[in-house]
PDB file of N, CA and C in Angstrom:
ATOM      1  N   MET A   1       0.912  -1.124   0.199  1.00  0.00           N
ATOM      2  CA  MET A   1      -0.071   0.035   0.034  1.00  0.00           C
ATOM      3  C   MET A   1       0.644   1.335  -0.116  1.00  0.00           C
ATOM      4  N   ALA A   2       0.771   2.288  -0.998  1.00  0.00           N
ATOM      5  CA  ALA A   2       1.395   3.708  -1.160  1.00  0.00           C
ATOM      6  C   ALA A   2       1.137   4.324  -0.001  1.00  0.00           C
ATOM      7  N   ALA A   3       2.039   5.128   0.656  1.00  0.00           N
ATOM      8  CA  ALA A   3       1.716   6.147   1.771  1.00  0.00           C
ATOM      9  C   ALA A   3       1.193   7.447   0.987  1.00  0.00           C
ATOM     10  N   GLU A   4       0.625   7.832   1.825  1.00  0.00           N
ATOM     11  CA  GLU A   4       0.131   9.223   1.332  1.00  0.00           C
ATOM     12  C   GLU A   4       0.769  10.399   2.167  1.00  0.00           C
ATOM     13  N   PHE A   5       1.194  11.278   1.777  1.00  0.00           N
ATOM     14  CA  PHE A   5       1.620  12.308   2.238  1.00  0.00           C
ATOM     15  C   PHE A   5       0.750  13.544   2.577  1.00  0.00           C
ATOM     16  N   VAL A   6       0.501  14.378   3.633  1.00  0.00           N
ATOM     17  CA  VAL A   6      -0.003  15.488   3.511  1.00  0.00           C
ATOM     18  C   VAL A   6       1.103  16.688   3.882  1.00  0.00           C
ATOM     19  N   THR A   7       0.869  17.619   2.810  1.00  0.00           N
ATOM     20  CA  THR A   7       1.927  18.764   3.205  1.00  0.00           C
ATOM     21  C   THR A   7       0.786  19.911   4.011  1.00  0.00           C
ATOM     22  N   LEU A   8       1.334  20.191   4.915  1.00  0.00           N
ATOM     23  CA  LEU A   8       0.830  21.461   5.454  1.00  0.00           C
ATOM     24  C   LEU A   8       1.261  22.975   5.452  1.00  0.00           C
ATOM     25  N   ARG A   9       0.556  23.693   5.059  1.00  0.00           N
ATOM     26  CA  ARG A   9       0.949  24.967   4.780  1.00  0.00           C
ATOM     27  C   ARG A   9       0.399  25.714   6.042  1.00  0.00           C
ATOM     28  N   ARG A  10       1.215  26.762   5.765  1.00  0.00           N
ATOM     29  CA  ARG A  10       0.926  28.273   6.782  1.00  0.00           C
ATOM     30  C   ARG A  10      -0.279  28.435   6.247  1.00  0.00           C
ATOM     31  N   PRO A  11      -0.896  29.058   7.591  1.00  0.00           N
ATOM     32  CA  PRO A  11      -2.539  29.923   7.139  1.00  0.00           C
ATOM     33  C   PRO A  11      -2.378  30.751   6.462  1.00  0.00           C
ATOM     34  N   ARG A  12      -2.888  31.342   5.284  1.00  0.00           N
ATOM     35  CA  ARG A  12      -2.599  32.452   4.706  1.00  0.00           C
ATOM     36  C   ARG A  12      -4.037  33.405   5.165  1.00  0.00           C
ATOM     37  N   GLN A  13      -3.001  34.886   5.698  1.00  0.00           N
ATOM     38  CA  GLN A  13      -4.081  35.763   6.113  1.00  0.00           C
ATOM     39  C   GLN A  13      -5.135  36.109   4.892  1.00  0.00           C
ATOM     40  N   LEU A  14      -6.185  36.560   5.518  1.00  0.00           N
ATOM     41  CA  LEU A  14      -7.067  37.482   4.545  1.00  0.00           C
ATOM     42  C   LEU A  14      -7.397  38.414   4.494  1.00  0.00           C
ATOM     43  N   GLU A  15      -7.836  39.249   4.111  1.00  0.00           N
ATOM     44  CA  GLU A  15      -8.154  40.777   4.296  1.00  0.00           C
ATOM     45  C   GLU A  15      -9.536  40.889   5.066  1.00  0.00           C
ATOM     46  N   HIS A  16      -9.824  41.643   6.408  1.00  0.00           N
ATOM     47  CA  HIS A  16     -11.011  41.356   6.655  1.00  0.00           C
ATOM     48  C   HIS A  16     -12.022  42.293   5.965  1.00  0.00           C
ATOM     49  N   PRO A  17     -13.319  41.549   6.255  1.00  0.00           N
ATOM     50  CA  PRO A  17     -14.308  41.458   5.267  1.00  0.00           C
ATOM     51  C   PRO A  17     -14.635  42.800   5.071  1.00  0.00           C
ATOM     52  N   VAL A  18     -14.532  43.653   6.430  1.00  0.00           N
ATOM     53  CA  VAL A  18     -15.041  45.089   6.547  1.00  0.00           C
ATOM     54  C   VAL A  18     -14.351  46.064   5.622  1.00  0.00           C
ATOM     55  N   GLY A  19     -12.544  45.815   5.678  1.00  0.00           N
ATOM     56  CA  GLY A  19     -11.792  46.338   5.100  1.00  0.00           C
ATOM     57  C   GLY A  19     -10.949  47.375   6.064  1.00  0.00           C
ATOM     58  N   ASP A  20     -11.350  47.087   7.306  1.00  0.00           N
ATOM     59  CA  ASP A  20     -10.667  48.243   8.394  1.00  0.00           C
ATOM     60  C   ASP A  20      -8.989  47.414   8.319  1.00  0.00           C
ATOM     61  N   PRO A  21      -7.831  48.602   8.040  1.00  0.00           N
ATOM     62  CA  PRO A  21      -7.034  47.821   8.615  1.00  0.00           C
ATOM     63  C   PRO A  21      -6.520  47.590  10.005  1.00  0.00           C
ATOM     64  N   GLU A  22      -7.566  48.433  10.961  1.00  0.00           N
ATOM     65  CA  GLU A  22      -6.976  47.943  12.182  1.00  0.00           C
ATOM     66  C   GLU A  22      -7.315  46.763  12.687  1.00  0.00           C
ATOM     67  N   ALA A  23      -8.647  46.206  11.979  1.00  0.00           N
ATOM     68  CA  ALA A  23      -9.197  45.242  12.569  1.00  0.00           C
ATOM     69  C   ALA A  23      -8.253  44.052  12.594  1.00  0.00           C
ATOM     70  N   ALA A  24      -8.485  43.127  13.638  1.00  0.00           N
ATOM     71  CA  ALA A  24      -8.029  41.765  13.431  1.00  0.00           C
ATOM     72  C   ALA A  24      -7.891  40.909  12.053  1.00  0.00           C
ATOM     73  N   PRO A  25      -7.027  40.510  11.307  1.00  0.00           N
ATOM     74  CA  PRO A  25      -7.278  39.772  10.083  1.00  0.00           C
ATOM     75  C   PRO A  25      -8.082  38.302  10.440  1.00  0.00           C
ATOM     76  N   VAL A  26      -8.553  37.773   9.477  1.00  0.00           N
ATOM     77  CA  VAL A  26      -9.337  36.867   9.233  1.00  0.00           C
ATOM     78  C   VAL A  26      -8.355  35.608   8.846  1.00  0.00           C
ATOM     79  N   VAL A  27      -8.359  34.314   9.502  1.00  0.00           N
ATOM     80  CA  VAL A  27      -7.243  33.316   9.072  1.00  0.00           C
ATOM     81  C   VAL A  27      -7.935  32.541   8.176  1.00  0.00           C
ATOM     82  N   ALA A  28      -7.443  31.850   7.460  1.00  0.00           N
ATOM     83  CA  ALA A  28      -8.080  30.681   6.865  1.00  0.00           C
ATOM     84  C   ALA A  28      -7.766  29.657   7.681  1.00  0.00           C
ATOM     85  N   THR A  29      -8.233  28.263   7.972  1.00  0.00           N
ATOM     86  CA  THR A  29      -7.680  27.493   8.536  1.00  0.00           C
ATOM     87  C   THR A  29      -7.831  26.173   7.438  1.00  0.00           C
ATOM     88  N   PRO A  30      -6.816  25.112   7.531  1.00  0.00           N
ATOM     89  CA  PRO A  30      -6.764  23.835   6.960  1.00  0.00           C
ATOM     90  C   PRO A  30      -7.866  23.082   7.189  1.00  0.00           C
ATOM     91  N   PRO A  31      -8.459  22.093   5.793  1.00  0.00           N
ATOM     92  CA  PRO A  31      -9.555  21.362   6.442  1.00  0.00           C
ATOM     93  C   PRO A  31      -8.946  20.419   7.371  1.00  0.00           C
ATOM     94  N   ALA A  32      -9.770  19.680   8.267  1.00  0.00           N
ATOM     95  CA  ALA A  32      -9.411  18.693   8.944  1.00  0.00           C
ATOM     96  C   ALA A  32      -8.829  17.598   8.551  1.00  0.00           C
ATOM     97  N   VAL A  33      -7.973  16.747   8.612  1.00  0.00           N
ATOM     98  CA  VAL A  33      -7.286  15.497   8.250  1.00  0.00           C
ATOM     99  C   VAL A  33      -8.173  14.405   8.981  1.00  0.00           C
ATOM    100  N   PRO A  34      -8.719  13.298   8.476  1.00  0.00           N
ATOM    101  CA  PRO A  34      -8.928  12.201   9.324  1.00  0.00           C
ATOM    102  C   PRO A  34      -7.890  11.468   9.818  1.00  0.00           C
ATOM    103  N   SER A  35      -8.011  10.756  10.786  1.00  0.00           N
ATOM    104  CA  SER A  35      -7.190  10.091  11.795  1.00  0.00           C
ATOM    105  C   SER A  35      -6.853   8.654  11.000  1.00  0.00           C
ATOM    106  N   THR A  36      -5.634   8.317  11.047  1.00  0.00           N
ATOM    107  CA  THR A  36      -4.982   7.447  10.346  1.00  0.00           C
ATOM    108  C   THR A  36      -6.043   5.987  10.305  1.00  0.00           C
ATOM    109  N   SER A  37      -6.230   5.725  11.602  1.00  0.00           N
ATOM    110  CA  SER A  37      -7.269   4.299  11.715  1.00  0.00           C
ATOM    111  C   SER A  37      -8.572   4.730  11.163  1.00  0.00           C
ATOM    112  N   GLU A  38      -9.223   6.040  10.585  1.00  0.00           N
ATOM    113  CA  GLU A  38     -10.439   6.155  10.158  1.00  0.00           C
ATOM    114  C   GLU A  38     -10.051   5.969   8.309  1.00  0.00           C
ATOM    115  N   GLU A  39      -9.011   6.681   8.246  1.00  0.00           N
ATOM    116  CA  GLU A  39      -8.454   6.298   6.862  1.00  0.00           C
ATOM    117  C   GLU A  39      -8.397   4.697   6.336  1.00  0.00           C
ATOM    118  N   ASN A  40      -7.861   4.036   7.113  1.00  0.00           N
ATOM    119  CA  ASN A  40      -7.195   2.685   6.457  1.00  0.00           C
ATOM    120  C   ASN A  40      -8.696   1.864   6.770  1.00  0.00           C
ATOM    121  N   ARG A  41      -9.672   2.334   7.511  1.00  0.00           N
ATOM    122  CA  ARG A  41     -10.830   1.412   7.142  1.00  0.00           C
ATOM    123  C   ARG A  41     -11.827   1.707   6.236  1.00  0.00           C
ATOM    124  N   LYS A  42     -11.996   3.112   5.875  1.00  0.00           N
ATOM    125  CA  LYS A  42     -12.668   3.598   4.683  1.00  0.00           C
ATOM    126  C   LYS A  42     -11.946   3.178   3.337  1.00  0.00           C
ATOM    127  N   ALA A  43     -10.596   3.102   3.530  1.00  0.00           N
ATOM    128  CA  ALA A  43      -9.741   2.842   1.877  1.00  0.00           C
ATOM    129  C   ALA A  43      -9.875   1.379   1.625  1.00  0.00           C
ATOM    130  N   HIS A  44     -10.253   0.577   2.291  1.00  0.00           N
ATOM    131  CA  HIS A  44     -10.149  -0.944   2.056  1.00  0.00           C
ATOM    132  C   HIS A  44     -11.701  -1.156   0.938  1.00  0.00           C
ATOM    133  N   PRO A  45     -11.502  -1.968  -0.007  1.00  0.00           N
ATOM    134  CA  PRO A  45     -12.814  -2.738  -0.332  1.00  0.00           C
ATOM    135  C   PRO A  45     -13.790  -3.743   0.651  1.00  0.00           C
ATOM    136  N   THR A  46     -14.768  -3.802   0.444  1.00  0.00           N
ATOM    137  CA  THR A  46     -15.724  -4.532   1.255  1.00  0.00           C
ATOM    138  C   THR A  46     -15.523  -5.808   1.211  1.00  0.00           C
ATOM    139  N   ILE A  47     -14.898  -6.722   2.268  1.00  0.00           N
ATOM    140  CA  ILE A  47     -15.132  -8.181   2.590  1.00  0.00           C
ATOM    141  C   ILE A  47     -16.010  -8.595   3.486  1.00  0.00           C
ATOM    142  N   LYS A  48     -16.509  -9.497   3.196  1.00  0.00           N
ATOM    143  CA  LYS A  48     -17.442 -10.138   4.731  1.00  0.00           C
ATOM    144  C   LYS A  48     -17.208 -11.462   4.746  1.00  0.00           C
ATOM    145  N   LEU A  49     -17.349 -11.560   6.278  1.00  0.00           N
ATOM    146  CA  LEU A  49     -17.344 -12.663   6.851  1.00  0.00           C
ATOM    147  C   LEU A  49     -18.244 -13.246   6.551  1.00  0.00           C
ATOM    148  N   PRO A  50     -18.404 -14.723   6.163  1.00  0.00           N
ATOM    149  CA  PRO A  50     -19.367 -15.868   5.766  1.00  0.00           C
ATOM    150  C   PRO A  50     -20.017 -16.163   7.199  1.00  0.00           C
ATOM    151  N   THR A  51     -21.372 -16.276   7.006  1.00  0.00           N
ATOM    152  CA  THR A  51     -21.798 -16.859   8.586  1.00  0.00           C
ATOM    153  C   THR A  51     -21.470 -18.492   8.349  1.00  0.00           C
ATOM    154  N   PHE A  52     -21.460 -18.810   9.799  1.00  0.00           N
ATOM    155  CA  PHE A  52     -20.889 -20.538  10.036  1.00  0.00           C
ATOM    156  C   PHE A  52     -22.063 -21.126  10.948  1.00  0.00           C
ATOM    157  N   ASP A  53     -22.258 -22.210  10.020  1.00  0.00           N
ATOM    158  CA  ASP A  53     -23.560 -23.053  10.790  1.00  0.00           C
ATOM    159  C   ASP A  53     -23.188 -24.170  11.053  1.00  0.00           C
ATOM    160  N   GLY A  54     -22.147 -24.578  11.350  1.00  0.00           N
ATOM    161  CA  GLY A  54     -21.429 -26.144  11.488  1.00  0.00           C
ATOM    162  C   GLY A  54     -21.445 -27.019  10.651  1.00  0.00           C
ATOM    163  N   LYS A  55     -21.793 -26.959   9.407  1.00  0.00           N
ATOM    164  CA  LYS A  55     -22.019 -27.881   8.364  1.00  0.00           C
ATOM    165  C   LYS A  55     -20.721 -27.844   7.523  1.00  0.00           C
ATOM    166  N   LEU A  56     -20.000 -26.565   7.273  1.00  0.00           N
ATOM    167  CA  LEU A  56     -18.974 -26.841   6.851  1.00  0.00           C
ATOM    168  C   LEU A  56     -17.583 -26.622   7.567  1.00  0.00           C
ATOM    169  N   SER A  57     -16.790 -26.756   6.920  1.00  0.00           N
ATOM    170  CA  SER A  57     -15.352 -26.654   7.893  1.00  0.00           C
ATOM    171  C   SER A  57     -14.936 -25.741   8.893  1.00  0.00           C
ATOM    172  N   LEU A  58     -14.477 -25.771  10.189  1.00  0.00           N
ATOM    173  CA  LEU A  58     -14.491 -25.277  11.055  1.00  0.00           C
ATOM    174  C   LEU A  58     -12.906 -24.510  10.822  1.00  0.00           C
ATOM    175  N   GLU A  59     -12.356 -25.204  10.344  1.00  0.00           N
ATOM    176  CA  GLU A  59     -10.716 -24.585   9.960  1.00  0.00           C
ATOM    177  C   GLU A  59     -10.920 -23.294   8.938  1.00  0.00           C
ATOM    178  N   SER A  60     -11.890 -23.825   7.715  1.00  0.00           N
ATOM    179  CA  SER A  60     -11.898 -22.630   6.794  1.00  0.00           C
ATOM    180  C   SER A  60     -12.451 -21.636   7.300  1.00  0.00           C
ATOM    181  N   PHE A  61     -13.412 -21.559   7.888  1.00  0.00           N
ATOM    182  CA  PHE A  61     -14.227 -20.423   8.523  1.00  0.00           C
ATOM    183  C   PHE A  61     -13.347 -19.740   9.340  1.00  0.00           C
ATOM    184  N   LEU A  62     -12.567 -20.276  10.197  1.00  0.00           N
ATOM    185  CA  LEU A  62     -11.625 -19.768  11.091  1.00  0.00           C
ATOM    186  C   LEU A  62     -10.184 -19.041  10.417  1.00  0.00           C
ATOM    187  N   ALA A  63     -10.047 -19.678   9.146  1.00  0.00           N
ATOM    188  CA  ALA A  63      -9.146 -18.953   8.429  1.00  0.00           C
ATOM    189  C   ALA A  63      -9.765 -17.702   7.710  1.00  0.00           C
ATOM    190  N   LYS A  64     -10.810 -17.527   7.317  1.00  0.00           N
ATOM    191  CA  LYS A  64     -11.739 -16.477   6.596  1.00  0.00           C
ATOM    192  C   LYS A  64     -11.806 -15.388   7.676  1.00  0.00           C
ATOM    193  N   LEU A  65     -12.176 -15.684   8.958  1.00  0.00           N
ATOM    194  CA  LEU A  65     -12.300 -14.694  10.031  1.00  0.00           C
ATOM    195  C   LEU A  65     -10.792 -14.302  10.259  1.00  0.00           C
ATOM    196  N   GLN A  66      -9.334 -14.826  10.554  1.00  0.00           N
ATOM    197  CA  GLN A  66      -8.488 -14.644  10.689  1.00  0.00           C
ATOM    198  C   GLN A  66      -8.058 -13.562   9.673  1.00  0.00           C
ATOM    199  N   ASN A  67      -8.338 -13.905   7.956  1.00  0.00           N
ATOM    200  CA  ASN A  67      -7.973 -13.191   7.355  1.00  0.00           C
ATOM    201  C   ASN A  67      -9.003 -11.576   7.230  1.00  0.00           C
ATOM    202  N   CYS A  68     -10.267 -11.594   7.476  1.00  0.00           N
ATOM    203  CA  CYS A  68     -10.786 -10.539   7.622  1.00  0.00           C
ATOM    204  C   CYS A  68     -10.333  -9.947   8.480  1.00  0.00           C
ATOM    205  N   SER A  69      -9.717 -10.299  10.090  1.00  0.00           N
ATOM    206  CA  SER A  69      -9.201  -9.526  11.127  1.00  0.00           C
ATOM    207  C   SER A  69      -8.433  -9.023  10.767  1.00  0.00           C
ATOM    208  N   GLU A  70      -7.220  -9.927   9.623  1.00  0.00           N
ATOM    209  CA  GLU A  70      -5.710  -9.083   9.400  1.00  0.00           C
ATOM    210  C   GLU A  70      -6.111  -7.952   8.480  1.00  0.00           C
ATOM    211  N   TYR A  71      -7.189  -8.249   7.198  1.00  0.00           N
ATOM    212  CA  TYR A  71      -7.292  -7.017   6.347  1.00  0.00           C
ATOM    213  C   TYR A  71      -8.080  -5.635   7.214  1.00  0.00           C
ATOM    214  N   TYR A  72      -8.669  -5.979   7.950  1.00  0.00           N
ATOM    215  CA  TYR A  72      -9.454  -4.688   8.706  1.00  0.00           C
ATOM    216  C   TYR A  72      -8.786  -4.483  10.270  1.00  0.00           C
ATOM    217  N   ASN A  73      -7.819  -4.872  10.555  1.00  0.00           N
ATOM    218  CA  ASN A  73      -7.198  -4.710  11.699  1.00  0.00           C
ATOM    219  C   ASN A  73      -7.744  -4.827  12.849  1.00  0.00           C
ATOM    220  N   TRP A  74      -8.495  -5.735  13.000  1.00  0.00           N
ATOM    221  CA  TRP A  74      -9.547  -5.822  14.179  1.00  0.00           C
ATOM    222  C   TRP A  74      -9.069  -6.179  15.295  1.00  0.00           C
ATOM    223  N   THR A  75      -9.396  -5.620  16.756  1.00  0.00           N
ATOM    224  CA  THR A  75      -8.982  -5.645  17.571  1.00  0.00           C
ATOM    225  C   THR A  75      -9.073  -7.321  18.406  1.00  0.00           C
ATOM    226  N   ASP A  76      -8.837  -7.681  19.205  1.00  0.00           N
ATOM    227  CA  ASP A  76      -9.444  -8.828  19.836  1.00  0.00           C
ATOM    228  C   ASP A  76     -10.768  -8.707  19.990  1.00  0.00           C
ATOM    229  N   ARG A  77     -11.589  -7.479  20.735  1.00  0.00           N
ATOM    230  CA  ARG A  77     -12.650  -7.599  20.818  1.00  0.00           C
ATOM    231  C   ARG A  77     -13.590  -7.588  19.542  1.00  0.00           C
ATOM    232  N   GLU A  78     -13.351  -6.865  18.580  1.00  0.00           N
ATOM    233  CA  GLU A  78     -13.571  -6.942  17.500  1.00  0.00           C
ATOM    234  C   GLU A  78     -13.965  -8.373  16.707  1.00  0.00           C
ATOM    235  N   LYS A  79     -12.906  -9.000  16.901  1.00  0.00           N
ATOM    236  CA  LYS A  79     -13.013 -10.397  16.610  1.00  0.00           C
ATOM    237  C   LYS A  79     -14.125 -11.133  17.236  1.00  0.00           C
ATOM    238  N   ILE A  80     -14.147 -11.139  18.282  1.00  0.00           N
ATOM    239  CA  ILE A  80     -14.994 -11.884  19.056  1.00  0.00           C
ATOM    240  C   ILE A  80     -16.277 -11.417  18.571  1.00  0.00           C
ATOM    241  N   CYS A  81     -16.786 -10.455  18.450  1.00  0.00           N
ATOM    242  CA  CYS A  81     -18.149  -9.459  18.150  1.00  0.00           C
ATOM    243  C   CYS A  81     -18.220 -10.348  16.798  1.00  0.00           C
ATOM    244  N   HIS A  82     -17.376 -10.010  15.651  1.00  0.00           N
ATOM    245  CA  HIS A  82     -17.853 -10.831  14.453  1.00  0.00           C
ATOM    246  C   HIS A  82     -18.398 -12.347  14.612  1.00  0.00           C
ATOM    247  N   LEU A  83     -17.251 -12.915  15.269  1.00  0.00           N
ATOM    248  CA  LEU A  83     -17.474 -14.331  15.301  1.00  0.00           C
ATOM    249  C   LEU A  83     -19.039 -14.792  15.991  1.00  0.00           C
ATOM    250  N   GLN A  84     -19.134 -14.278  17.246  1.00  0.00           N
ATOM    251  CA  GLN A  84     -20.668 -14.134  17.922  1.00  0.00           C
ATOM    252  C   GLN A  84     -21.290 -14.072  16.570  1.00  0.00           C
ATOM    253  N   ALA A  85     -21.589 -12.890  15.601  1.00  0.00           N
ATOM    254  CA  ALA A  85     -22.286 -12.388  14.953  1.00  0.00           C
ATOM    255  C   ALA A  85     -22.333 -13.383  13.773  1.00  0.00           C
ATOM    256  N   ALA A  86     -21.613 -14.495  13.275  1.00  0.00           N
ATOM    257  CA  ALA A  86     -21.334 -15.335  12.186  1.00  0.00           C
ATOM    258  C   ALA A  86     -21.798 -16.449  12.405  1.00  0.00           C
ATOM    259  N   LEU A  87     -22.142 -16.892  13.618  1.00  0.00           N
ATOM    260  CA  LEU A  87     -22.473 -18.213  14.162  1.00  0.00           C
ATOM    261  C   LEU A  87     -24.029 -18.213  13.820  1.00  0.00           C
ATOM    262  N   GLU A  88     -24.795 -19.271  13.247  1.00  0.00           N
ATOM    263  CA  GLU A  88     -25.755 -19.391  13.350  1.00  0.00           C
ATOM    264  C   GLU A  88     -26.208 -20.953  13.296  1.00  0.00           C
ATOM    265  N   GLU A  89     -27.434 -21.214  13.675  1.00  0.00           N
ATOM    266  CA  GLU A  89     -28.243 -22.638  13.666  1.00  0.00           C
ATOM    267  C   GLU A  89     -27.528 -23.170  15.019  1.00  0.00           C
ATOM    268  N   PRO A  90     -27.193 -24.313  14.645  1.00  0.00           N
ATOM    269  CA  PRO A  90     -26.681 -25.262  15.870  1.00  0.00           C
ATOM    270  C   PRO A  90     -25.242 -24.363  16.364  1.00  0.00           C
ATOM    271  N   ALA A  91     -24.381 -23.940  15.386  1.00  0.00           N
ATOM    272  CA  ALA A  91     -23.439 -23.732  16.071  1.00  0.00           C
ATOM    273  C   ALA A  91     -23.499 -22.128  16.684  1.00  0.00           C
ATOM    274  N   ALA A  92     -24.885 -21.981  16.789  1.00  0.00           N
ATOM    275  CA  ALA A  92     -24.694 -20.426  17.598  1.00  0.00           C
ATOM    276  C   ALA A  92     -24.947 -20.715  19.183  1.00  0.00           C
ATOM    277  N   GLN A  93     -25.467 -22.551  19.426  1.00  0.00           N
ATOM    278  CA  GLN A  93     -25.536 -22.463  20.635  1.00  0.00           C
ATOM    279  C   GLN A  93     -24.130 -22.615  21.692  1.00  0.00           C
ATOM    280  N   LEU A  94     -23.649 -22.479  21.010  1.00  0.00           N
ATOM    281  CA  LEU A  94     -21.892 -22.256  21.659  1.00  0.00           C
ATOM    282  C   LEU A  94     -21.825 -21.018  22.620  1.00  0.00           C
ATOM    283  N   LEU A  95     -22.940 -20.105  21.918  1.00  0.00           N
ATOM    284  CA  LEU A  95     -22.911 -18.700  22.830  1.00  0.00           C
ATOM    285  C   LEU A  95     -23.590 -18.780  23.962  1.00  0.00           C
ATOM    286  N   TRP A  96     -24.138 -19.956  24.326  1.00  0.00           N
ATOM    287  CA  TRP A  96     -25.113 -20.384  25.222  1.00  0.00           C
ATOM    288  C   TRP A  96     -24.315 -21.068  26.509  1.00  0.00           C
TER     289      TRP A  96
END
């Protein structure tokens, strides 16, 4: 993934709207830059964790969970939430 660089410039001073040279100048502020974690989450194409009902391979499902986890940089808590949401039918009984 290519890194993006943001060039910060000194805010330029604008003339006061009233034209009074004694008045305080109006300063243009640069737009807010989103945090790196927000940028990373929005930059990825969407991939979806499939549901797991216990009929297919557990190892395959766990590999897909790990792949999504690494792709989206999930925390341990996020991994648990996504795992719980993906369990269906008999496999969901593990939650009880």
